[in-house]
């Protein structure tokens, strides 16, 4: 299955898919508002601002599977992200990234290994997957890797279409 064929929904419930971002590099990140890693929203927003005009977007995917750290409603998540971190990148509906109810998007993403060669379950909030402008998974960065880490920015820059 192509990543572009997987049905998604925006945080507000509108139908969406990664095909909406075809031709752009996309950093897909499972996010949470009440996590020790939540300040990574700031770095994600800086990436969005730095690379958006060059064919890039961050795509935030709220998830409440890790210690219940994303308990909010869609409206609460949107308000938190915009008022606390000035988030302008798109957010999807809250989904599960691991387990029996894992969303098909994450079934595909988690098959891709990280730099050490390990694929499989998402470890925690703020795990990052880089998708090329052609819709292929090309990078995976574990939760503690900061969004603006040199490895992340180099991978993004290598995938920018413009």
Protein backbone atom coordinates (compact mmCIF):
# COMPACT_ATOMS: atom_id res chain seq x y z
CA UNK A 1 0.00 0.00 0.00
CA UNK A 2 1.27 3.48 -0.87
CA UNK A 3 1.43 6.01 1.94
CA UNK A 4 -0.60 8.27 -0.36
CA UNK A 5 -3.53 5.79 -0.36
CA UNK A 6 -4.02 5.69 3.42
CA UNK A 7 -7.10 7.67 4.49
CA UNK A 8 -6.44 10.22 7.21
CA UNK A 9 -8.40 13.00 8.90
CA UNK A 10 -7.33 16.44 9.97
CA UNK A 11 -7.59 17.45 13.61
CA UNK A 12 -10.94 19.05 12.74
CA UNK A 13 -12.22 15.80 11.19
CA UNK A 14 -11.87 16.67 7.52
CA UNK A 15 -10.76 13.87 5.15
CA UNK A 16 -7.07 14.05 4.29
CA UNK A 17 -4.18 11.91 3.07
CA UNK A 18 -0.45 12.20 2.56
CA UNK A 19 -1.29 12.65 -1.12
CA UNK A 20 -2.27 16.20 -0.05
CA UNK A 21 1.49 16.73 0.48
CA UNK A 22 2.70 14.94 -2.65
CA UNK A 23 5.74 16.79 -3.98
CA UNK A 24 6.79 17.88 -0.47
CA UNK A 25 9.09 16.32 2.07
CA UNK A 26 7.04 15.56 5.20
CA UNK A 27 8.23 15.01 8.77
CA UNK A 28 5.49 12.94 10.46
CA UNK A 29 5.67 13.22 14.26
CA UNK A 30 3.45 11.68 16.94
CA UNK A 31 2.90 14.55 19.36
CA UNK A 32 1.55 15.04 22.89
CA UNK A 33 0.76 18.14 24.95
CA UNK A 34 1.68 16.85 28.42
CA UNK A 35 5.01 15.12 27.80
CA UNK A 36 8.52 15.97 28.93
CA UNK A 37 9.37 16.18 25.23
CA UNK A 38 6.52 18.59 24.44
CA UNK A 39 8.98 21.53 24.10
CA UNK A 40 10.03 19.86 20.83
CA UNK A 41 6.98 21.60 19.35
CA UNK A 42 9.14 24.76 19.26
CA UNK A 43 11.84 23.07 17.18
CA UNK A 44 9.25 21.48 14.90
CA UNK A 45 7.70 24.89 14.29
CA UNK A 46 11.14 26.37 13.51
CA UNK A 47 11.68 23.58 10.94
CA UNK A 48 8.30 24.42 9.43
CA UNK A 49 9.21 28.09 9.19
CA UNK A 50 12.71 27.39 7.83
CA UNK A 51 11.77 24.90 5.11
CA UNK A 52 8.08 25.40 4.21
CA UNK A 53 8.81 27.59 1.19
CA UNK A 54 11.24 24.95 -0.12
CA UNK A 55 8.65 22.15 -0.26
CA UNK A 56 8.49 20.81 3.29
CA UNK A 57 5.96 20.38 6.06
CA UNK A 58 5.81 18.95 9.53
CA UNK A 59 2.70 16.84 10.09
CA UNK A 60 1.73 16.44 13.73
CA UNK A 61 -0.15 13.32 14.79
CA UNK A 62 -1.55 13.52 18.33
CA UNK A 63 -1.39 10.24 20.24
CA UNK A 64 -2.52 9.38 23.77
CA UNK A 65 -0.86 5.95 23.99
CA UNK A 66 2.14 6.96 26.09
CA UNK A 67 1.17 7.51 29.73
CA UNK A 68 -2.00 9.36 28.67
CA UNK A 69 -0.01 12.45 27.72
CA UNK A 70 -2.43 13.66 25.03
CA UNK A 71 -5.83 13.49 26.76
CA UNK A 72 -7.32 16.61 25.16
CA UNK A 73 -10.08 17.03 22.64
CA UNK A 74 -9.26 18.20 19.13
CA UNK A 75 -10.13 21.77 20.15
CA UNK A 76 -7.94 21.59 23.26
CA UNK A 77 -5.02 20.22 21.27
CA UNK A 78 -5.35 22.94 18.61
CA UNK A 79 -5.58 25.69 21.22
CA UNK A 80 -2.60 24.35 23.16
CA UNK A 81 -0.42 24.04 20.05
CA UNK A 82 -1.25 27.49 18.69
CA UNK A 83 -1.13 29.44 21.96
CA UNK A 84 1.80 27.63 23.62
CA UNK A 85 4.07 27.07 20.62
CA UNK A 86 2.63 29.08 17.72
CA UNK A 87 2.21 25.91 15.69
CA UNK A 88 1.31 26.57 12.06
CA UNK A 89 1.96 23.10 10.65
CA UNK A 90 -0.99 20.76 10.04
CA UNK A 91 -2.24 18.39 12.73
CA UNK A 92 -4.12 15.16 12.15
CA UNK A 93 -6.75 13.54 14.34
CA UNK A 94 -5.61 11.67 17.42
CA UNK A 95 -4.69 8.08 16.52
CA UNK A 96 -2.91 5.02 17.90
CA UNK A 97 0.63 4.41 16.66
CA UNK A 98 1.24 0.98 18.28
CA UNK A 99 -0.74 -2.13 19.15
CA UNK A 100 -3.79 -3.85 17.71
CA UNK A 101 -5.50 -0.53 16.89
CA UNK A 102 -2.38 0.94 15.21
CA UNK A 103 -3.42 3.27 12.41
CA UNK A 104 -2.45 1.99 8.91
CA UNK A 105 -0.19 5.03 8.46
CA UNK A 106 1.92 3.84 11.38
CA UNK A 107 1.85 0.24 10.17
CA UNK A 108 3.75 1.51 7.14
CA UNK A 109 5.96 4.04 8.96
CA UNK A 110 7.12 1.67 11.71
CA UNK A 111 8.36 -0.86 9.16
CA UNK A 112 11.20 1.60 8.42
CA UNK A 113 14.32 1.22 10.58
CA UNK A 114 16.11 3.94 12.51
CA UNK A 115 19.83 4.73 12.08
CA UNK A 116 20.76 1.67 14.16
CA UNK A 117 18.67 -0.61 11.95
CA UNK A 118 15.78 -1.09 14.39
CA UNK A 119 12.25 -1.01 13.01
CA UNK A 120 9.05 -1.74 14.94
CA UNK A 121 6.98 0.08 17.52
CA UNK A 122 7.17 3.78 18.20
CA UNK A 123 9.11 4.18 21.45
CA UNK A 124 7.44 7.32 22.84
CA UNK A 125 5.96 10.68 21.90
CA UNK A 126 7.82 12.76 19.31
CA UNK A 127 9.23 9.94 17.19
CA UNK A 128 9.90 11.39 13.74
CA UNK A 129 9.54 9.83 10.28
CA UNK A 130 10.75 11.61 7.15
CA UNK A 131 8.76 10.96 3.99
CA UNK A 132 10.21 11.99 0.61
CA UNK A 133 8.42 14.18 -1.92
CA UNK A 134 7.66 10.91 -3.78
CA UNK A 135 5.95 9.36 -0.75
CA UNK A 136 8.66 6.96 0.46
CA UNK A 137 9.80 6.70 4.08
CA UNK A 138 13.46 7.76 4.03
CA UNK A 139 14.31 8.51 7.66
CA UNK A 140 13.39 7.67 11.23
CA UNK A 141 14.49 9.55 14.32
CA UNK A 142 13.74 8.39 17.84
CA UNK A 143 11.91 10.62 20.37
CA UNK A 144 14.93 12.11 22.13
CA UNK A 145 16.43 13.31 18.84
CA UNK A 146 15.69 17.02 18.79
CA UNK A 147 13.89 18.31 15.68
CA UNK A 148 16.81 20.59 14.79
CA UNK A 149 19.48 17.93 15.33
CA UNK A 150 22.05 18.00 12.52
CA UNK A 151 21.03 14.50 11.37
CA UNK A 152 17.39 15.57 11.04
CA UNK A 153 18.09 18.82 9.21
CA UNK A 154 20.57 17.12 6.85
CA UNK A 155 17.98 14.45 6.02
CA UNK A 156 15.30 17.10 5.42
CA UNK A 157 17.61 19.17 3.20
CA UNK A 158 18.48 16.07 1.16
CA UNK A 159 14.75 15.55 0.46
CA UNK A 160 13.69 19.11 -0.37
CA UNK A 161 12.24 19.19 -3.87
CA UNK A 162 12.82 22.92 -4.43
